[in-house]
C-alpha cells in the first residue's frame, strides 16, 4: 500500500478484501476473488440466499441492509428504500450546506425528513404518468439560523438541485449482467 502499513483484515464476503492500510483504512482488493469482467465498483453488496440481510461495502465504510421483521427480515439494518431516502437526504443537506458556506450565509443546521410511498398515478396531478402506481418521495427541509426569507427560498431551490435529486428525477439507465 502506498498510503500506509498494510495489515490483514477479516474476510468480508467472497474474499473480496485482502488487506487494509492501518493508517487510513483503505482496503486492498483481493483481485483473485473478483471476476475478470469487473474492473471497478463504487459499492459492493453481498448476502446469503436464505435471508434478506445484506452486507454493504462503500469504500472503507461498512453497512448492513435488511428488511423489517414485518416483511420477513431481521431488521438488522435499513431497508433498501430507507437507504435510498438516506442518500437523498444526506445529499440535500450537504448541497445546501455547501451553498450556504460559499455564500457566507448564517445557516446553522439543515434537517431533512423523508417518506416513501406508492400512489396511484391518477391521484397525482403534477405527474406525467397517468396509469398504474408511482413512487412518491416526500421531503421536508428545515433551515436553522438567522436567514432571510430570500435566503431560505434560494436554499430550497438549491435543495432541488442536489445530485441525487437530479439523478432520481432524470432518466436512469441500469445495465445488469451476470459475471
N, C-alpha and C. Protein backbone atom coordinates (compact mmCIF):
# COMPACT_ATOMS: atom_id res chain seq x y z
N UNK A 1 0.83 -1.18 0.00
CA UNK A 1 0.00 0.00 0.00
C UNK A 1 0.88 1.25 0.00
N UNK A 2 0.49 2.19 -0.77
CA UNK A 2 1.24 3.43 -0.87
C UNK A 2 1.03 4.31 0.35
N UNK A 3 -0.17 4.30 0.92
CA UNK A 3 -0.53 5.27 1.94
C UNK A 3 -0.22 4.83 3.37
N UNK A 4 0.22 3.63 3.60
CA UNK A 4 0.49 3.21 4.97
C UNK A 4 0.84 1.74 5.06
N UNK A 5 0.84 1.24 6.28
CA UNK A 5 1.21 -0.15 6.53
C UNK A 5 0.01 -1.06 6.30
N UNK A 6 0.18 -2.08 5.50
CA UNK A 6 -0.90 -2.99 5.19
C UNK A 6 -1.00 -4.08 6.25
N UNK A 7 -2.22 -4.32 6.73
CA UNK A 7 -2.46 -5.37 7.71
C UNK A 7 -3.63 -6.22 7.23
N UNK A 8 -3.65 -7.53 7.58
CA UNK A 8 -4.77 -8.37 7.15
C UNK A 8 -6.09 -7.90 7.77
N UNK A 9 -7.16 -8.09 7.03
CA UNK A 9 -8.49 -7.77 7.55
C UNK A 9 -9.33 -9.03 7.52
N UNK A 10 -10.38 -9.02 8.32
CA UNK A 10 -11.30 -10.14 8.36
C UNK A 10 -11.97 -10.26 6.99
N UNK A 11 -12.19 -11.48 6.54
CA UNK A 11 -12.85 -11.70 5.25
C UNK A 11 -14.21 -11.02 5.27
N UNK A 12 -14.49 -10.25 4.25
CA UNK A 12 -15.75 -9.51 4.18
C UNK A 12 -16.62 -10.03 3.05
N UNK A 13 -16.76 -11.32 2.94
CA UNK A 13 -17.64 -11.89 1.94
C UNK A 13 -16.94 -12.13 0.63
N UNK A 14 -16.91 -13.34 0.21
CA UNK A 14 -16.36 -13.77 -1.07
C UNK A 14 -14.89 -13.44 -1.23
N UNK A 15 -14.18 -13.18 -0.13
CA UNK A 15 -12.75 -12.92 -0.20
C UNK A 15 -12.40 -11.68 -1.00
N UNK A 16 -13.28 -10.69 -1.02
CA UNK A 16 -13.05 -9.50 -1.83
C UNK A 16 -11.87 -8.68 -1.32
N UNK A 17 -11.73 -8.57 0.02
CA UNK A 17 -10.67 -7.72 0.57
C UNK A 17 -9.50 -8.57 1.03
N UNK A 18 -8.28 -8.18 0.65
CA UNK A 18 -7.08 -8.89 1.07
C UNK A 18 -6.46 -8.27 2.30
N UNK A 19 -6.36 -6.95 2.35
CA UNK A 19 -5.76 -6.27 3.48
C UNK A 19 -6.22 -4.83 3.51
N UNK A 20 -5.91 -4.16 4.62
CA UNK A 20 -6.27 -2.75 4.77
C UNK A 20 -5.09 -1.98 5.31
N UNK A 21 -4.99 -0.72 4.93
CA UNK A 21 -3.94 0.16 5.44
C UNK A 21 -4.27 0.51 6.88
N UNK A 22 -3.33 0.29 7.78
CA UNK A 22 -3.59 0.58 9.19
C UNK A 22 -3.59 2.08 9.46
N UNK A 23 -3.11 2.89 8.54
CA UNK A 23 -3.09 4.34 8.72
C UNK A 23 -4.41 4.97 8.31
N UNK A 24 -4.86 4.68 7.08
CA UNK A 24 -6.07 5.35 6.57
C UNK A 24 -7.28 4.42 6.46
N UNK A 25 -7.08 3.10 6.58
CA UNK A 25 -8.20 2.18 6.48
C UNK A 25 -8.55 1.78 5.07
N UNK A 26 -7.86 2.31 4.07
CA UNK A 26 -8.16 1.98 2.68
C UNK A 26 -7.92 0.49 2.44
N UNK A 27 -8.87 -0.12 1.76
CA UNK A 27 -8.80 -1.56 1.54
C UNK A 27 -8.08 -1.90 0.25
N UNK A 28 -7.35 -3.00 0.29
CA UNK A 28 -6.71 -3.53 -0.90
C UNK A 28 -7.56 -4.69 -1.39
N UNK A 29 -7.93 -4.67 -2.64
CA UNK A 29 -8.81 -5.69 -3.20
C UNK A 29 -8.02 -6.95 -3.51
N UNK A 30 -8.59 -8.07 -3.14
CA UNK A 30 -8.02 -9.37 -3.49
C UNK A 30 -8.50 -9.67 -4.91
N UNK A 31 -7.70 -9.34 -5.90
CA UNK A 31 -8.13 -9.42 -7.30
C UNK A 31 -8.45 -10.84 -7.73
N UNK A 32 -7.89 -11.86 -7.09
CA UNK A 32 -8.20 -13.24 -7.47
C UNK A 32 -9.64 -13.60 -7.11
N UNK A 33 -10.29 -12.83 -6.23
CA UNK A 33 -11.67 -13.09 -5.84
C UNK A 33 -12.67 -12.30 -6.67
N UNK A 34 -12.18 -11.42 -7.55
CA UNK A 34 -13.07 -10.57 -8.34
C UNK A 34 -13.15 -11.11 -9.76
N UNK A 35 -14.36 -11.35 -10.29
CA UNK A 35 -14.47 -11.81 -11.67
C UNK A 35 -13.76 -10.85 -12.62
N UNK A 36 -13.10 -11.39 -13.64
CA UNK A 36 -12.29 -10.54 -14.52
C UNK A 36 -13.10 -9.51 -15.29
N UNK A 37 -14.41 -9.72 -15.42
CA UNK A 37 -15.25 -8.75 -16.13
C UNK A 37 -15.45 -7.47 -15.32
N UNK A 38 -15.19 -7.52 -14.01
CA UNK A 38 -15.40 -6.36 -13.15
C UNK A 38 -14.08 -5.62 -13.01
N UNK A 39 -14.07 -4.40 -13.51
CA UNK A 39 -12.85 -3.59 -13.44
C UNK A 39 -12.91 -2.54 -12.35
N UNK A 40 -14.11 -2.20 -11.87
CA UNK A 40 -14.24 -1.23 -10.79
C UNK A 40 -15.62 -1.34 -10.17
N UNK A 41 -15.74 -0.86 -8.94
CA UNK A 41 -17.03 -0.81 -8.26
C UNK A 41 -16.95 0.27 -7.20
N UNK A 42 -18.00 1.07 -7.08
CA UNK A 42 -18.07 2.07 -6.03
C UNK A 42 -18.64 1.47 -4.75
N UNK A 43 -19.53 0.52 -4.91
CA UNK A 43 -20.18 -0.14 -3.78
C UNK A 43 -20.25 -1.63 -4.11
N UNK A 44 -20.02 -2.47 -3.09
CA UNK A 44 -20.17 -3.91 -3.25
C UNK A 44 -21.17 -4.37 -2.21
N UNK A 45 -22.13 -5.19 -2.65
CA UNK A 45 -23.18 -5.71 -1.76
C UNK A 45 -23.20 -7.22 -1.90
N UNK A 46 -23.28 -7.94 -0.76
CA UNK A 46 -23.37 -9.39 -0.82
C UNK A 46 -24.21 -9.89 0.34
N UNK A 47 -24.82 -11.05 0.13
CA UNK A 47 -25.63 -11.65 1.18
C UNK A 47 -25.95 -13.08 0.82
N UNK A 48 -26.38 -13.83 1.80
CA UNK A 48 -26.78 -15.21 1.57
C UNK A 48 -28.17 -15.27 0.98
N UNK A 49 -28.49 -16.38 0.40
CA UNK A 49 -29.81 -16.52 -0.22
C UNK A 49 -30.91 -16.85 0.76
N UNK A 50 -30.58 -17.12 2.01
CA UNK A 50 -31.60 -17.56 2.96
C UNK A 50 -32.23 -16.43 3.77
N UNK A 51 -31.66 -15.21 3.71
CA UNK A 51 -32.23 -14.07 4.47
C UNK A 51 -32.20 -12.83 3.59
N UNK A 52 -32.87 -11.79 4.06
CA UNK A 52 -32.83 -10.51 3.37
C UNK A 52 -31.57 -9.71 3.69
N UNK A 53 -30.91 -10.01 4.80
CA UNK A 53 -29.77 -9.22 5.27
C UNK A 53 -28.66 -9.18 4.23
N UNK A 54 -28.10 -7.99 4.03
CA UNK A 54 -27.04 -7.78 3.05
C UNK A 54 -25.90 -7.00 3.70
N UNK A 55 -24.69 -7.33 3.32
CA UNK A 55 -23.52 -6.57 3.76
C UNK A 55 -23.19 -5.58 2.65
N UNK A 56 -22.87 -4.38 3.02
CA UNK A 56 -22.60 -3.31 2.05
C UNK A 56 -21.23 -2.73 2.34
N UNK A 57 -20.38 -2.68 1.32
CA UNK A 57 -19.08 -2.03 1.43
C UNK A 57 -19.08 -0.84 0.48
N UNK A 58 -18.88 0.34 1.04
CA UNK A 58 -18.79 1.58 0.26
C UNK A 58 -17.47 2.23 0.67
N UNK A 59 -16.44 2.02 -0.14
CA UNK A 59 -15.12 2.47 0.26
C UNK A 59 -14.72 1.72 1.52
N UNK A 60 -14.27 2.44 2.53
CA UNK A 60 -13.89 1.77 3.78
C UNK A 60 -15.04 1.68 4.78
N UNK A 61 -16.23 2.07 4.37
CA UNK A 61 -17.40 2.06 5.24
C UNK A 61 -18.17 0.76 5.09
N UNK A 62 -18.70 0.26 6.18
CA UNK A 62 -19.48 -0.96 6.19
C UNK A 62 -20.87 -0.67 6.72
N UNK A 63 -21.87 -1.19 6.03
CA UNK A 63 -23.26 -1.04 6.42
C UNK A 63 -23.94 -2.40 6.31
N UNK A 64 -25.08 -2.52 6.94
CA UNK A 64 -25.92 -3.70 6.78
C UNK A 64 -27.27 -3.22 6.29
N UNK A 65 -27.79 -3.87 5.29
CA UNK A 65 -29.13 -3.60 4.80
C UNK A 65 -30.01 -4.81 5.11
N UNK A 66 -31.27 -4.59 5.38
CA UNK A 66 -32.19 -5.68 5.69
C UNK A 66 -33.61 -5.18 5.46
N UNK A 67 -34.54 -6.03 5.70
CA UNK A 67 -35.96 -5.67 5.67
C UNK A 67 -36.50 -5.76 7.09
N UNK A 68 -37.57 -5.03 7.38
CA UNK A 68 -38.16 -5.13 8.72
C UNK A 68 -38.74 -6.53 8.96
N UNK A 69 -38.90 -6.88 10.23
CA UNK A 69 -39.47 -8.18 10.58
C UNK A 69 -40.86 -8.37 10.00
N UNK A 70 -41.61 -7.27 9.83
CA UNK A 70 -42.98 -7.35 9.34
C UNK A 70 -43.07 -7.91 7.92
N UNK A 71 -41.96 -7.89 7.17
CA UNK A 71 -41.97 -8.45 5.81
C UNK A 71 -40.99 -9.62 5.67
N UNK A 72 -40.56 -10.18 6.81
CA UNK A 72 -39.72 -11.37 6.76
C UNK A 72 -38.24 -11.16 6.99
N UNK A 73 -37.82 -9.93 7.24
CA UNK A 73 -36.41 -9.68 7.52
C UNK A 73 -36.11 -9.78 9.00
N UNK A 74 -34.88 -9.48 9.37
CA UNK A 74 -34.48 -9.47 10.78
C UNK A 74 -34.27 -8.07 11.32
N UNK A 75 -34.54 -7.06 10.50
CA UNK A 75 -34.39 -5.66 10.89
C UNK A 75 -32.97 -5.35 11.38
N UNK A 76 -31.97 -5.98 10.71
CA UNK A 76 -30.57 -5.79 11.08
C UNK A 76 -29.98 -4.50 10.53
N UNK A 77 -30.72 -3.80 9.68
CA UNK A 77 -30.24 -2.55 9.11
C UNK A 77 -31.36 -1.89 8.34
N UNK A 78 -31.07 -0.74 7.75
CA UNK A 78 -32.09 -0.03 6.97
C UNK A 78 -32.54 -0.86 5.76
N UNK A 79 -33.78 -0.64 5.35
CA UNK A 79 -34.29 -1.29 4.14
C UNK A 79 -33.71 -0.59 2.91
N UNK A 80 -33.80 -1.21 1.75
CA UNK A 80 -33.32 -0.54 0.54
C UNK A 80 -33.95 0.84 0.31
N UNK A 81 -35.24 0.98 0.59
CA UNK A 81 -35.87 2.30 0.43
C UNK A 81 -35.36 3.28 1.48
N UNK A 82 -35.09 2.80 2.69
CA UNK A 82 -34.50 3.68 3.71
C UNK A 82 -33.13 4.18 3.25
N UNK A 83 -32.34 3.30 2.66
CA UNK A 83 -31.02 3.70 2.16
C UNK A 83 -31.15 4.72 1.03
N UNK A 84 -32.14 4.52 0.15
CA UNK A 84 -32.39 5.48 -0.92
C UNK A 84 -32.76 6.85 -0.36
N UNK A 85 -33.65 6.85 0.63
CA UNK A 85 -34.04 8.12 1.26
C UNK A 85 -32.86 8.76 1.98
N UNK A 86 -32.03 7.94 2.61
CA UNK A 86 -30.84 8.47 3.29
C UNK A 86 -29.90 9.12 2.28
N UNK A 87 -29.76 8.53 1.11
CA UNK A 87 -28.92 9.12 0.07
C UNK A 87 -29.46 10.48 -0.35
N UNK A 88 -30.76 10.57 -0.57
CA UNK A 88 -31.36 11.84 -0.97
C UNK A 88 -31.26 12.87 0.16
N UNK A 89 -31.55 12.46 1.38
CA UNK A 89 -31.50 13.39 2.50
C UNK A 89 -30.09 13.90 2.77
N UNK A 90 -29.11 13.02 2.76
CA UNK A 90 -27.75 13.47 3.03
C UNK A 90 -27.23 14.34 1.89
N UNK A 91 -27.55 14.01 0.66
CA UNK A 91 -27.13 14.84 -0.47
C UNK A 91 -27.78 16.21 -0.40
N UNK A 92 -29.06 16.25 -0.05
CA UNK A 92 -29.77 17.52 0.09
C UNK A 92 -29.08 18.40 1.13
N UNK A 93 -28.84 17.85 2.30
CA UNK A 93 -28.23 18.61 3.38
C UNK A 93 -26.82 19.07 3.02
N UNK A 94 -26.03 18.17 2.42
CA UNK A 94 -24.66 18.53 2.03
C UNK A 94 -24.64 19.65 0.99
N UNK A 95 -25.52 19.54 0.00
CA UNK A 95 -25.55 20.53 -1.08
C UNK A 95 -25.97 21.90 -0.56
N UNK A 96 -27.01 21.93 0.25
CA UNK A 96 -27.50 23.18 0.82
C UNK A 96 -26.43 23.80 1.73
N UNK A 97 -25.80 22.96 2.55
CA UNK A 97 -24.75 23.45 3.44
C UNK A 97 -23.57 24.04 2.69
N UNK A 98 -23.15 23.35 1.62
CA UNK A 98 -22.03 23.84 0.81
C UNK A 98 -22.38 25.18 0.18
N UNK A 99 -23.59 25.30 -0.34
CA UNK A 99 -24.02 26.54 -0.97
C UNK A 99 -24.00 27.69 0.04
N UNK A 100 -24.56 27.43 1.22
CA UNK A 100 -24.62 28.48 2.25
C UNK A 100 -23.21 28.87 2.70
N UNK A 101 -22.31 27.91 2.85
CA UNK A 101 -20.92 28.24 3.23
C UNK A 101 -20.26 29.10 2.16
N UNK A 102 -20.47 28.74 0.90
CA UNK A 102 -19.88 29.53 -0.20
C UNK A 102 -20.41 30.95 -0.23
N UNK A 103 -21.64 31.15 0.21
CA UNK A 103 -22.25 32.48 0.24
C UNK A 103 -22.03 33.20 1.57
N UNK A 104 -21.39 32.52 2.52
CA UNK A 104 -21.21 33.06 3.88
C UNK A 104 -22.55 33.41 4.53
N UNK A 105 -23.56 32.55 4.30
CA UNK A 105 -24.86 32.73 4.91
C UNK A 105 -24.87 32.06 6.28
N UNK A 106 -25.65 32.56 7.22
CA UNK A 106 -25.65 32.03 8.59
C UNK A 106 -26.50 30.78 8.79
N UNK A 107 -26.33 29.79 7.95
CA UNK A 107 -27.04 28.53 8.09
C UNK A 107 -26.37 27.72 9.19
N UNK A 108 -27.11 27.36 10.23
CA UNK A 108 -26.55 26.65 11.37
C UNK A 108 -26.82 25.15 11.31
N UNK A 109 -27.92 24.76 10.74
CA UNK A 109 -28.28 23.34 10.67
C UNK A 109 -29.30 23.13 9.57
N UNK A 110 -29.19 21.96 8.93
CA UNK A 110 -30.19 21.52 7.95
C UNK A 110 -30.73 20.19 8.45
N UNK A 111 -32.04 20.05 8.51
CA UNK A 111 -32.66 18.78 8.87
C UNK A 111 -33.61 18.41 7.74
N UNK A 112 -33.55 17.15 7.32
CA UNK A 112 -34.38 16.67 6.22
C UNK A 112 -35.17 15.45 6.68
N UNK A 113 -36.49 15.51 6.56
CA UNK A 113 -37.36 14.38 6.85
C UNK A 113 -37.86 13.84 5.52
N UNK A 114 -37.81 12.51 5.36
CA UNK A 114 -38.20 11.90 4.09
C UNK A 114 -39.16 10.73 4.31
N UNK A 115 -40.08 10.56 3.38
CA UNK A 115 -41.03 9.46 3.39
C UNK A 115 -41.19 8.93 1.98
N UNK A 116 -41.32 7.62 1.87
CA UNK A 116 -41.55 6.98 0.58
C UNK A 116 -42.90 6.27 0.62
N UNK A 117 -43.65 6.37 -0.46
CA UNK A 117 -44.92 5.66 -0.56
C UNK A 117 -45.20 5.36 -2.03
N UNK A 118 -46.19 4.53 -2.24
CA UNK A 118 -46.70 4.24 -3.58
C UNK A 118 -48.05 4.92 -3.69
N UNK A 119 -48.28 5.58 -4.82
CA UNK A 119 -49.56 6.25 -5.03
C UNK A 119 -50.10 5.88 -6.41
N UNK A 120 -51.39 6.04 -6.58
CA UNK A 120 -51.99 5.84 -7.90
C UNK A 120 -51.65 7.03 -8.78
N UNK A 121 -51.24 6.76 -9.99
CA UNK A 121 -50.89 7.83 -10.93
C UNK A 121 -52.06 8.78 -11.13
N UNK A 122 -53.26 8.26 -11.13
CA UNK A 122 -54.44 9.09 -11.33
C UNK A 122 -54.61 10.13 -10.21
N UNK A 123 -54.01 9.86 -9.06
CA UNK A 123 -54.11 10.79 -7.93
C UNK A 123 -53.02 11.85 -7.93
N UNK A 124 -52.18 11.85 -8.95
CA UNK A 124 -51.05 12.78 -9.00
C UNK A 124 -51.25 13.75 -10.15
N UNK A 125 -51.69 14.95 -9.83
CA UNK A 125 -51.98 15.93 -10.88
C UNK A 125 -50.72 16.46 -11.56
N UNK A 126 -49.56 16.48 -10.86
CA UNK A 126 -48.34 17.01 -11.46
C UNK A 126 -47.48 15.95 -12.16
N UNK A 127 -47.95 14.68 -12.17
CA UNK A 127 -47.16 13.59 -12.76
C UNK A 127 -47.49 13.39 -14.23
N UNK A 128 -46.49 12.99 -15.00
CA UNK A 128 -46.69 12.73 -16.43
C UNK A 128 -47.42 11.41 -16.66
N UNK A 129 -47.10 10.40 -15.85
CA UNK A 129 -47.72 9.09 -16.00
C UNK A 129 -49.16 9.16 -15.51
N UNK A 130 -50.07 8.59 -16.27
CA UNK A 130 -51.48 8.68 -15.92
C UNK A 130 -52.09 7.40 -15.42
N UNK A 131 -51.38 6.27 -15.54
CA UNK A 131 -51.94 4.98 -15.14
C UNK A 131 -50.97 4.24 -14.23
N UNK A 132 -51.54 3.33 -13.42
CA UNK A 132 -50.71 2.48 -12.57
C UNK A 132 -50.29 3.16 -11.29
N UNK A 133 -49.24 2.59 -10.68
CA UNK A 133 -48.73 3.10 -9.41
C UNK A 133 -47.41 3.84 -9.65
N UNK A 134 -47.18 4.83 -8.81
CA UNK A 134 -45.95 5.62 -8.87
C UNK A 134 -45.29 5.62 -7.50
N UNK A 135 -43.99 5.83 -7.49
CA UNK A 135 -43.29 6.05 -6.25
C UNK A 135 -43.36 7.53 -5.92
N UNK A 136 -43.64 7.84 -4.67
CA UNK A 136 -43.65 9.23 -4.23
C UNK A 136 -42.68 9.37 -3.06
N UNK A 137 -41.82 10.36 -3.16
CA UNK A 137 -40.95 10.72 -2.05
C UNK A 137 -41.35 12.10 -1.59
N UNK A 138 -41.67 12.20 -0.32
CA UNK A 138 -41.98 13.49 0.28
C UNK A 138 -40.78 13.89 1.12
N UNK A 139 -40.33 15.13 0.92
CA UNK A 139 -39.13 15.63 1.60
C UNK A 139 -39.47 16.97 2.24
N UNK A 140 -39.30 17.04 3.54
CA UNK A 140 -39.48 18.28 4.30
C UNK A 140 -38.10 18.72 4.77
N UNK A 141 -37.79 20.00 4.59
CA UNK A 141 -36.47 20.52 4.92
C UNK A 141 -36.61 21.68 5.89
N UNK A 142 -35.78 21.68 6.92
CA UNK A 142 -35.74 22.80 7.87
C UNK A 142 -34.34 23.43 7.81
N UNK A 143 -34.33 24.74 7.62
CA UNK A 143 -33.08 25.50 7.64
C UNK A 143 -33.07 26.30 8.94
N UNK A 144 -32.08 26.07 9.79
CA UNK A 144 -31.98 26.80 11.05
C UNK A 144 -30.85 27.81 10.98
N UNK A 145 -31.09 28.94 11.56
CA UNK A 145 -30.13 30.03 11.58
C UNK A 145 -30.83 31.32 11.20
N UNK A 146 -30.18 32.46 11.44
CA UNK A 146 -30.80 33.76 11.15
C UNK A 146 -30.74 34.10 9.66
N UNK A 147 -31.51 33.36 8.88
CA UNK A 147 -31.56 33.54 7.42
C UNK A 147 -32.72 34.44 7.04
N UNK A 148 -32.57 35.16 5.95
CA UNK A 148 -33.67 35.98 5.43
C UNK A 148 -34.64 35.07 4.67
N UNK A 149 -35.82 35.57 4.39
CA UNK A 149 -36.80 34.82 3.61
C UNK A 149 -36.25 34.52 2.21
N UNK A 150 -35.51 35.46 1.65
CA UNK A 150 -34.92 35.24 0.33
C UNK A 150 -33.86 34.14 0.36
N UNK A 151 -33.06 34.12 1.42
CA UNK A 151 -32.05 33.07 1.55
C UNK A 151 -32.70 31.70 1.71
N UNK A 152 -33.74 31.61 2.50
CA UNK A 152 -34.46 30.34 2.68
C UNK A 152 -35.05 29.86 1.36
N UNK A 153 -35.62 30.77 0.62
CA UNK A 153 -36.20 30.43 -0.67
C UNK A 153 -35.14 29.91 -1.63
N UNK A 154 -33.99 30.57 -1.66
CA UNK A 154 -32.90 30.13 -2.53
C UNK A 154 -32.36 28.78 -2.10
N UNK A 155 -32.26 28.54 -0.79
CA UNK A 155 -31.78 27.25 -0.30
C UNK A 155 -32.74 26.12 -0.69
N UNK A 156 -34.03 26.41 -0.72
CA UNK A 156 -34.99 25.41 -1.18
C UNK A 156 -34.77 25.09 -2.65
N UNK A 157 -34.51 26.10 -3.46
CA UNK A 157 -34.19 25.86 -4.88
C UNK A 157 -32.94 24.99 -5.01
N UNK A 158 -31.93 25.28 -4.20
CA UNK A 158 -30.68 24.53 -4.24
C UNK A 158 -30.92 23.08 -3.81
N UNK A 159 -31.80 22.87 -2.82
CA UNK A 159 -32.12 21.51 -2.36
C UNK A 159 -32.63 20.66 -3.53
N UNK A 160 -33.41 21.27 -4.41
CA UNK A 160 -33.94 20.54 -5.56
C UNK A 160 -32.92 20.34 -6.67
N UNK A 161 -31.71 20.85 -6.48
CA UNK A 161 -30.65 20.67 -7.48
C UNK A 161 -29.53 19.77 -6.98
N UNK A 162 -29.70 19.13 -5.83
CA UNK A 162 -28.64 18.25 -5.35
C UNK A 162 -28.48 17.09 -6.33
N UNK A 163 -27.28 16.54 -6.45
CA UNK A 163 -27.03 15.49 -7.45
C UNK A 163 -27.95 14.27 -7.34
N UNK A 164 -28.27 13.82 -6.14
CA UNK A 164 -29.15 12.65 -6.02
C UNK A 164 -30.57 13.00 -6.46
N UNK A 165 -31.04 14.18 -6.12
CA UNK A 165 -32.37 14.63 -6.58
C UNK A 165 -32.40 14.64 -8.10
N UNK A 166 -31.37 15.18 -8.72
CA UNK A 166 -31.30 15.21 -10.18
C UNK A 166 -31.28 13.81 -10.77
N UNK A 167 -30.55 12.91 -10.14
CA UNK A 167 -30.49 11.52 -10.63
C UNK A 167 -31.86 10.87 -10.54
N UNK A 168 -32.52 11.03 -9.41
CA UNK A 168 -33.82 10.39 -9.21
C UNK A 168 -34.91 10.96 -10.10
N UNK A 169 -34.77 12.19 -10.54
CA UNK A 169 -35.80 12.80 -11.39
C UNK A 169 -35.43 12.79 -12.87
N UNK A 170 -34.30 12.16 -13.20
CA UNK A 170 -33.91 12.06 -14.60
C UNK A 170 -34.13 10.63 -15.09
N UNK A 171 -33.92 10.43 -16.37
CA UNK A 171 -33.97 9.07 -16.90
C UNK A 171 -32.75 8.31 -16.39
N UNK A 172 -32.99 7.13 -15.86
CA UNK A 172 -31.91 6.31 -15.32
C UNK A 172 -31.77 5.07 -16.19
N UNK A 173 -30.55 4.76 -16.57
CA UNK A 173 -30.27 3.57 -17.37
C UNK A 173 -29.43 2.63 -16.52
N UNK A 174 -29.99 1.47 -16.17
CA UNK A 174 -29.28 0.49 -15.36
C UNK A 174 -29.00 -0.72 -16.22
N UNK A 175 -27.73 -1.08 -16.33
CA UNK A 175 -27.32 -2.25 -17.11
C UNK A 175 -26.89 -3.34 -16.14
N UNK A 176 -27.46 -4.51 -16.28
CA UNK A 176 -27.17 -5.62 -15.39
C UNK A 176 -26.71 -6.81 -16.21
N UNK A 177 -25.63 -7.47 -15.75
CA UNK A 177 -25.13 -8.66 -16.44
C UNK A 177 -24.69 -9.69 -15.41
N UNK A 178 -24.68 -10.92 -15.77
CA UNK A 178 -24.19 -12.00 -14.92
C UNK A 178 -22.69 -12.11 -15.14
N UNK A 179 -21.91 -12.18 -14.06
CA UNK A 179 -20.44 -12.36 -14.18
C UNK A 179 -20.04 -13.63 -13.49
